[in-house]
Structure formats: C-alpha cells, structure tokens
C-alpha cells in the first residue's frame, strides 16, 4: 500500500472537519472532549491517518451521534 492519502481517508477527514467546524470547535476543544491528541485529529482531518474502529466510536460519541451518522456520506 502506498504512503499517499487514500480517497477514503480524505473523505473522512473532510467529514470530520465539517462536523468540527459546524460546532465552532477548535482542535484543542475536540481533543479535550474526546481524549484524542490534537496532532492525531489534525492528521485525520487532512487524510494522513486512518481511524480505527475505537477512534470512530470515540469521535461519534464526542459529536453525540452514532458511528453510522459519523460516517454518513463517506
């Protein structure tokens, strides 16, 4: 597998960034709310990292939604 950004990671990053911005949350706020490091959140939003199922679950709960809602449109 190449080290480039996967289309799926890029789509998820856009979704994550959109949800965060809709709520006017900073990376720091989301990090404090979720327990996920700011640097990892930044990498997720920019499609440089792929989330694990555990990360998806934590993020969904942070946004007060289900995992399927979090992944809607991806």
N, C-alpha and C. Protein backbone atom coordinates (compact mmCIF):
# COMPACT_ATOMS: atom_id res chain seq x y z
N UNK A 1 0.85 -1.19 0.00
CA UNK A 1 0.00 0.00 0.00
C UNK A 1 0.89 1.24 0.00
N UNK A 2 0.54 2.22 -0.80
CA UNK A 2 1.35 3.44 -0.89
C UNK A 2 1.16 4.31 0.34
N UNK A 3 2.09 5.23 0.51
CA UNK A 3 2.03 6.12 1.67
C UNK A 3 1.19 7.36 1.39
N UNK A 4 0.63 7.45 0.19
CA UNK A 4 -0.22 8.59 -0.14
C UNK A 4 -1.54 8.53 0.59
N UNK A 5 -2.27 9.61 0.51
CA UNK A 5 -3.58 9.68 1.15
C UNK A 5 -4.58 8.81 0.39
N UNK A 6 -5.32 8.00 1.11
CA UNK A 6 -6.35 7.20 0.44
C UNK A 6 -7.59 8.08 0.25
N UNK A 7 -8.34 7.84 -0.82
CA UNK A 7 -9.56 8.63 -1.05
C UNK A 7 -10.53 8.55 0.14
N UNK A 8 -10.60 7.38 0.76
CA UNK A 8 -11.49 7.20 1.91
C UNK A 8 -11.03 8.04 3.10
N UNK A 9 -9.73 8.08 3.34
CA UNK A 9 -9.19 8.90 4.44
C UNK A 9 -9.45 10.38 4.21
N UNK A 10 -9.32 10.80 2.96
CA UNK A 10 -9.57 12.21 2.62
C UNK A 10 -11.04 12.54 2.84
N UNK A 11 -11.95 11.65 2.40
CA UNK A 11 -13.39 11.88 2.60
C UNK A 11 -13.74 11.94 4.08
N UNK A 12 -13.17 11.02 4.86
CA UNK A 12 -13.44 11.03 6.29
C UNK A 12 -12.90 12.31 6.92
N UNK A 13 -11.74 12.73 6.50
CA UNK A 13 -11.15 13.97 7.03
C UNK A 13 -12.03 15.18 6.78
N UNK A 14 -12.59 15.23 5.58
CA UNK A 14 -13.50 16.34 5.25
C UNK A 14 -14.75 16.29 6.12
N UNK A 15 -15.27 15.09 6.33
CA UNK A 15 -16.46 14.91 7.17
C UNK A 15 -16.15 15.34 8.62
N UNK A 16 -15.03 14.89 9.13
CA UNK A 16 -14.63 15.23 10.50
C UNK A 16 -14.44 16.74 10.65
N UNK A 17 -13.75 17.34 9.69
CA UNK A 17 -13.53 18.78 9.73
C UNK A 17 -14.83 19.56 9.64
N UNK A 18 -15.74 19.07 8.80
CA UNK A 18 -17.04 19.73 8.65
C UNK A 18 -17.84 19.70 9.95
N UNK A 19 -17.85 18.54 10.60
CA UNK A 19 -18.58 18.42 11.87
C UNK A 19 -17.96 19.32 12.94
N UNK A 20 -16.65 19.33 12.99
CA UNK A 20 -15.95 20.16 13.98
C UNK A 20 -16.24 21.64 13.75
N UNK A 21 -16.18 22.06 12.50
CA UNK A 21 -16.39 23.48 12.18
C UNK A 21 -17.84 23.90 12.36
N UNK A 22 -18.80 22.99 12.06
CA UNK A 22 -20.23 23.27 12.28
C UNK A 22 -20.50 23.66 13.72
N UNK A 23 -19.74 23.06 14.61
CA UNK A 23 -19.94 23.30 16.04
C UNK A 23 -19.02 24.41 16.57
N UNK A 24 -18.22 24.99 15.69
CA UNK A 24 -17.23 26.00 16.08
C UNK A 24 -16.26 25.47 17.13
N UNK A 25 -15.89 24.21 16.97
CA UNK A 25 -14.93 23.59 17.88
C UNK A 25 -13.53 23.73 17.31
N UNK A 26 -12.58 24.01 18.18
CA UNK A 26 -11.17 24.01 17.79
C UNK A 26 -10.64 22.58 17.89
N UNK A 27 -9.47 22.36 17.34
CA UNK A 27 -8.82 21.05 17.50
C UNK A 27 -8.61 20.77 18.99
N UNK A 28 -8.21 21.80 19.73
CA UNK A 28 -7.96 21.64 21.17
C UNK A 28 -9.23 21.24 21.90
N UNK A 29 -10.35 21.88 21.58
CA UNK A 29 -11.61 21.54 22.24
C UNK A 29 -11.99 20.09 21.93
N UNK A 30 -11.92 19.69 20.67
CA UNK A 30 -12.27 18.32 20.30
C UNK A 30 -11.33 17.33 20.98
N UNK A 31 -10.07 17.67 21.07
CA UNK A 31 -9.10 16.82 21.74
C UNK A 31 -9.46 16.64 23.22
N UNK A 32 -9.78 17.75 23.88
CA UNK A 32 -10.15 17.68 25.29
C UNK A 32 -11.45 16.91 25.48
N UNK A 33 -12.37 17.07 24.56
CA UNK A 33 -13.69 16.44 24.62
C UNK A 33 -13.61 14.93 24.34
N UNK A 34 -12.68 14.54 23.47
CA UNK A 34 -12.60 13.15 23.03
C UNK A 34 -11.45 12.36 23.66
N UNK A 35 -10.43 13.05 24.13
CA UNK A 35 -9.25 12.36 24.64
C UNK A 35 -8.27 11.95 23.54
N UNK A 36 -8.52 12.42 22.32
CA UNK A 36 -7.65 12.11 21.18
C UNK A 36 -6.68 13.28 20.99
N UNK A 37 -5.43 12.97 20.78
CA UNK A 37 -4.39 14.01 20.65
C UNK A 37 -4.68 14.96 19.48
N UNK A 38 -4.38 16.22 19.69
CA UNK A 38 -4.57 17.25 18.66
C UNK A 38 -3.84 16.86 17.37
N UNK A 39 -2.61 16.39 17.50
CA UNK A 39 -1.83 16.04 16.31
C UNK A 39 -2.49 14.91 15.51
N UNK A 40 -3.09 13.94 16.21
CA UNK A 40 -3.78 12.84 15.51
C UNK A 40 -5.06 13.34 14.85
N UNK A 41 -5.81 14.21 15.54
CA UNK A 41 -7.01 14.79 14.95
C UNK A 41 -6.66 15.56 13.68
N UNK A 42 -5.58 16.31 13.73
CA UNK A 42 -5.13 17.08 12.57
C UNK A 42 -4.79 16.14 11.41
N UNK A 43 -4.09 15.06 11.72
CA UNK A 43 -3.74 14.07 10.68
C UNK A 43 -4.99 13.41 10.09
N UNK A 44 -5.97 13.14 10.94
CA UNK A 44 -7.23 12.55 10.45
C UNK A 44 -7.92 13.51 9.49
N UNK A 45 -8.03 14.77 9.90
CA UNK A 45 -8.74 15.76 9.06
C UNK A 45 -8.06 15.98 7.73
N UNK A 46 -6.76 15.81 7.70
CA UNK A 46 -6.02 16.03 6.45
C UNK A 46 -5.77 14.74 5.67
N UNK A 47 -6.45 13.65 6.09
CA UNK A 47 -6.37 12.40 5.36
C UNK A 47 -5.04 11.69 5.44
N UNK A 48 -4.22 12.06 6.42
CA UNK A 48 -2.88 11.45 6.55
C UNK A 48 -2.90 10.20 7.41
N UNK A 49 -3.95 10.02 8.20
CA UNK A 49 -4.10 8.85 9.07
C UNK A 49 -5.48 8.27 8.86
N UNK A 50 -5.60 6.97 9.13
CA UNK A 50 -6.90 6.31 9.06
C UNK A 50 -7.35 5.99 10.48
N UNK A 51 -8.62 6.26 10.80
CA UNK A 51 -9.10 5.99 12.16
C UNK A 51 -9.36 4.50 12.38
N UNK A 52 -9.14 4.07 13.61
CA UNK A 52 -9.52 2.71 13.99
C UNK A 52 -11.00 2.72 14.36
N UNK A 53 -11.58 1.55 14.54
CA UNK A 53 -12.97 1.48 14.98
C UNK A 53 -13.15 2.14 16.34
N UNK A 54 -12.19 1.98 17.22
CA UNK A 54 -12.26 2.61 18.54
C UNK A 54 -12.26 4.12 18.40
N UNK A 55 -11.41 4.66 17.53
CA UNK A 55 -11.36 6.10 17.30
C UNK A 55 -12.68 6.60 16.73
N UNK A 56 -13.25 5.86 15.79
CA UNK A 56 -14.54 6.24 15.22
C UNK A 56 -15.62 6.27 16.30
N UNK A 57 -15.61 5.29 17.18
CA UNK A 57 -16.58 5.23 18.27
C UNK A 57 -16.43 6.43 19.20
N UNK A 58 -15.21 6.74 19.57
CA UNK A 58 -14.94 7.88 20.46
C UNK A 58 -15.38 9.19 19.80
N UNK A 59 -15.06 9.35 18.53
CA UNK A 59 -15.45 10.59 17.83
C UNK A 59 -16.96 10.70 17.70
N UNK A 60 -17.62 9.59 17.37
CA UNK A 60 -19.08 9.61 17.26
C UNK A 60 -19.70 10.04 18.59
N UNK A 61 -19.23 9.48 19.68
CA UNK A 61 -19.75 9.85 21.00
C UNK A 61 -19.46 11.31 21.32
N UNK A 62 -18.30 11.80 20.91
CA UNK A 62 -17.94 13.20 21.14
C UNK A 62 -18.90 14.14 20.42
N UNK A 63 -19.36 13.73 19.25
CA UNK A 63 -20.31 14.53 18.48
C UNK A 63 -21.77 14.17 18.82
N UNK A 64 -21.95 13.27 19.77
CA UNK A 64 -23.27 12.83 20.22
C UNK A 64 -24.07 12.24 19.06
N UNK A 65 -23.43 11.32 18.35
CA UNK A 65 -24.08 10.64 17.22
C UNK A 65 -23.60 9.21 17.15
N UNK A 66 -24.27 8.43 16.31
CA UNK A 66 -23.85 7.05 16.10
C UNK A 66 -22.68 7.02 15.11
N UNK A 67 -22.01 5.86 15.07
CA UNK A 67 -20.91 5.72 14.10
C UNK A 67 -21.44 5.83 12.67
N UNK A 68 -22.64 5.30 12.43
CA UNK A 68 -23.18 5.39 11.07
C UNK A 68 -23.48 6.85 10.69
N UNK A 69 -23.92 7.65 11.66
CA UNK A 69 -24.14 9.08 11.38
C UNK A 69 -22.80 9.78 11.12
N UNK A 70 -21.79 9.41 11.90
CA UNK A 70 -20.45 9.99 11.71
C UNK A 70 -19.93 9.70 10.31
N UNK A 71 -20.19 8.50 9.83
CA UNK A 71 -19.67 8.07 8.52
C UNK A 71 -20.61 8.36 7.35
N UNK A 72 -21.71 9.05 7.62
CA UNK A 72 -22.69 9.35 6.58
C UNK A 72 -22.04 10.10 5.41
N UNK A 73 -22.28 9.60 4.22
CA UNK A 73 -21.77 10.24 3.01
C UNK A 73 -20.36 9.85 2.63
N UNK A 74 -19.77 8.95 3.38
CA UNK A 74 -18.38 8.55 3.09
C UNK A 74 -18.37 7.26 2.30
